[in-house]
Amino acid sequence: MLCDIARNLVEDQLQTIKALEDDLGLTIVAFSCRSLDPAREERLSALMEELGPLLQAEPAEPSEAQLGRIRETEETMGLSLVAVRA
């Protein structure tokens, strides 16, 4: 699986993420993930390791209720959402 920071989000998606951030008091980063054939995924993983981490933010420590809201939004949007410390 390859995940990168979601790009080209439509206005509705941006508003949904912003509303979630405002409601939870957390900073949210959206990732778009997709599966690749195993050989290609292995090559990309090796290249990404050489580049090092692209997002250097510590994860936030959301409550169970906050995690539930994040998971619901992930399912609705089809994105992976990560709460980070801003």
C-alpha atoms as a PDB file:
ATOM      1  CA  MET A   1       0.000   0.000   0.000  1.00  0.00           C
ATOM      2  CA  LEU A   2       1.269   3.452  -0.903  1.00  0.00           C
ATOM      3  CA  CYS A   3       0.027   6.502   0.961  1.00  0.00           C
ATOM      4  CA  ASP A   4       0.857  10.129   0.312  1.00  0.00           C
ATOM      5  CA  ILE A   5      -0.585  13.437   1.427  1.00  0.00           C
ATOM      6  CA  ALA A   6      -3.911  13.858  -0.341  1.00  0.00           C
ATOM      7  CA  ARG A   7      -3.821  16.372  -3.168  1.00  0.00           C
ATOM      8  CA  ASN A   8      -6.530  17.889  -5.327  1.00  0.00           C
ATOM      9  CA  LEU A   9      -9.206  17.666  -2.663  1.00  0.00           C
ATOM     10  CA  VAL A  10     -12.479  19.268  -3.669  1.00  0.00           C
ATOM     11  CA  GLU A  11     -13.965  22.111  -1.662  1.00  0.00           C
ATOM     12  CA  ASP A  12     -16.478  19.833   0.101  1.00  0.00           C
ATOM     13  CA  GLN A  13     -13.671  17.558   1.308  1.00  0.00           C
ATOM     14  CA  LEU A  14     -11.637  20.504   2.569  1.00  0.00           C
ATOM     15  CA  GLN A  15     -14.648  21.895   4.412  1.00  0.00           C
ATOM     16  CA  THR A  16     -15.352  18.496   5.987  1.00  0.00           C
ATOM     17  CA  ILE A  17     -11.767  18.202   7.251  1.00  0.00           C
ATOM     18  CA  LYS A  18     -11.767  21.803   8.524  1.00  0.00           C
ATOM     19  CA  ALA A  19     -15.089  21.247  10.346  1.00  0.00           C
ATOM     20  CA  LEU A  20     -13.684  18.065  11.929  1.00  0.00           C
ATOM     21  CA  GLU A  21     -10.580  19.957  13.063  1.00  0.00           C
ATOM     22  CA  ASP A  22     -12.713  22.733  14.558  1.00  0.00           C
ATOM     23  CA  ASP A  23     -15.060  20.284  16.310  1.00  0.00           C
ATOM     24  CA  LEU A  24     -12.267  18.125  17.760  1.00  0.00           C
ATOM     25  CA  GLY A  25      -9.659  20.818  18.403  1.00  0.00           C
ATOM     26  CA  LEU A  26      -7.078  18.728  16.514  1.00  0.00           C
ATOM     27  CA  THR A  27      -4.991  19.226  13.391  1.00  0.00           C
ATOM     28  CA  ILE A  28      -5.832  16.612  10.750  1.00  0.00           C
ATOM     29  CA  VAL A  29      -3.635  15.495   7.845  1.00  0.00           C
ATOM     30  CA  ALA A  30      -5.352  13.632   4.993  1.00  0.00           C
ATOM     31  CA  PHE A  31      -3.632  10.809   3.143  1.00  0.00           C
ATOM     32  CA  SER A  32      -4.681   9.072  -0.045  1.00  0.00           C
ATOM     33  CA  CYS A  33      -3.756   5.385  -0.098  1.00  0.00           C
ATOM     34  CA  ARG A  34      -3.793   2.800  -2.861  1.00  0.00           C
ATOM     35  CA  SER A  35      -2.632  -0.746  -3.384  1.00  0.00           C
ATOM     36  CA  LEU A  36       0.063  -1.568  -5.914  1.00  0.00           C
ATOM     37  CA  ASP A  37       1.313  -4.799  -7.333  1.00  0.00           C
ATOM     38  CA  PRO A  38       3.829  -6.277  -4.850  1.00  0.00           C
ATOM     39  CA  ALA A  39       6.956  -5.731  -7.001  1.00  0.00           C
ATOM     40  CA  ARG A  40       6.149  -2.087  -7.649  1.00  0.00           C
ATOM     41  CA  GLU A  41       5.235  -1.494  -4.010  1.00  0.00           C
ATOM     42  CA  GLU A  42       8.569  -2.948  -2.904  1.00  0.00           C
ATOM     43  CA  ARG A  43      10.509  -0.616  -5.233  1.00  0.00           C
ATOM     44  CA  LEU A  44       8.530   2.428  -4.085  1.00  0.00           C
ATOM     45  CA  SER A  45       9.019   1.524  -0.425  1.00  0.00           C
ATOM     46  CA  ALA A  46      12.779   1.356  -0.956  1.00  0.00           C
ATOM     47  CA  LEU A  47      12.787   4.738  -2.694  1.00  0.00           C
ATOM     48  CA  MET A  48      10.702   6.317   0.054  1.00  0.00           C
ATOM     49  CA  GLU A  49      13.087   4.992   2.723  1.00  0.00           C
ATOM     50  CA  GLU A  50      15.957   6.730   0.920  1.00  0.00           C
ATOM     51  CA  LEU A  51      14.016  10.002   0.920  1.00  0.00           C
ATOM     52  CA  GLY A  52      13.298   9.820   4.632  1.00  0.00           C
ATOM     53  CA  PRO A  53      10.116  10.930   6.338  1.00  0.00           C
ATOM     54  CA  LEU A  54       8.155  13.574   4.464  1.00  0.00           C
ATOM     55  CA  LEU A  55       5.775  14.505   7.274  1.00  0.00           C
ATOM     56  CA  GLN A  56       7.576  15.228  10.492  1.00  0.00           C
ATOM     57  CA  ALA A  57       4.797  15.822  12.965  1.00  0.00           C
ATOM     58  CA  GLU A  58       4.132  14.014  16.190  1.00  0.00           C
ATOM     59  CA  PRO A  59       0.822  12.220  16.398  1.00  0.00           C
ATOM     60  CA  ALA A  60      -1.813  13.730  18.629  1.00  0.00           C
ATOM     61  CA  GLU A  61      -3.401  11.665  21.377  1.00  0.00           C
ATOM     62  CA  PRO A  62      -7.107  11.837  20.570  1.00  0.00           C
ATOM     63  CA  SER A  63      -9.704  10.421  22.929  1.00  0.00           C
ATOM     64  CA  GLU A  64     -11.773   7.379  21.990  1.00  0.00           C
ATOM     65  CA  ALA A  65     -14.668   9.666  21.069  1.00  0.00           C
ATOM     66  CA  GLN A  66     -12.396  11.768  18.833  1.00  0.00           C
ATOM     67  CA  LEU A  67     -10.998   8.619  17.191  1.00  0.00           C
ATOM     68  CA  GLY A  68     -14.522   7.455  16.484  1.00  0.00           C
ATOM     69  CA  ARG A  69     -15.339  10.719  14.716  1.00  0.00           C
ATOM     70  CA  ILE A  70     -12.102  10.522  12.711  1.00  0.00           C
ATOM     71  CA  ARG A  71     -12.858   6.928  11.661  1.00  0.00           C
ATOM     72  CA  GLU A  72     -16.394   7.846  10.576  1.00  0.00           C
ATOM     73  CA  THR A  73     -15.044  10.684   8.457  1.00  0.00           C
ATOM     74  CA  GLU A  74     -12.368   8.431   6.932  1.00  0.00           C
ATOM     75  CA  GLU A  75     -14.999   5.938   5.840  1.00  0.00           C
ATOM     76  CA  THR A  76     -17.209   8.641   4.374  1.00  0.00           C
ATOM     77  CA  MET A  77     -14.386  10.379   2.502  1.00  0.00           C
ATOM     78  CA  GLY A  78     -12.323   7.340   1.472  1.00  0.00           C
ATOM     79  CA  LEU A  79      -9.161   8.913   2.901  1.00  0.00           C
ATOM     80  CA  SER A  80      -6.856   8.087   5.792  1.00  0.00           C
ATOM     81  CA  LEU A  81      -6.889  10.867   8.375  1.00  0.00           C
ATOM     82  CA  VAL A  82      -4.175  11.367  10.982  1.00  0.00           C
ATOM     83  CA  ALA A  83      -4.407  13.709  13.953  1.00  0.00           C
ATOM     84  CA  VAL A  84      -1.089  15.469  14.600  1.00  0.00           C
ATOM     85  CA  ARG A  85       0.243  17.961  17.110  1.00  0.00           C
ATOM     86  CA  ALA A  86       0.375  21.378  15.534  1.00  0.00           C
END
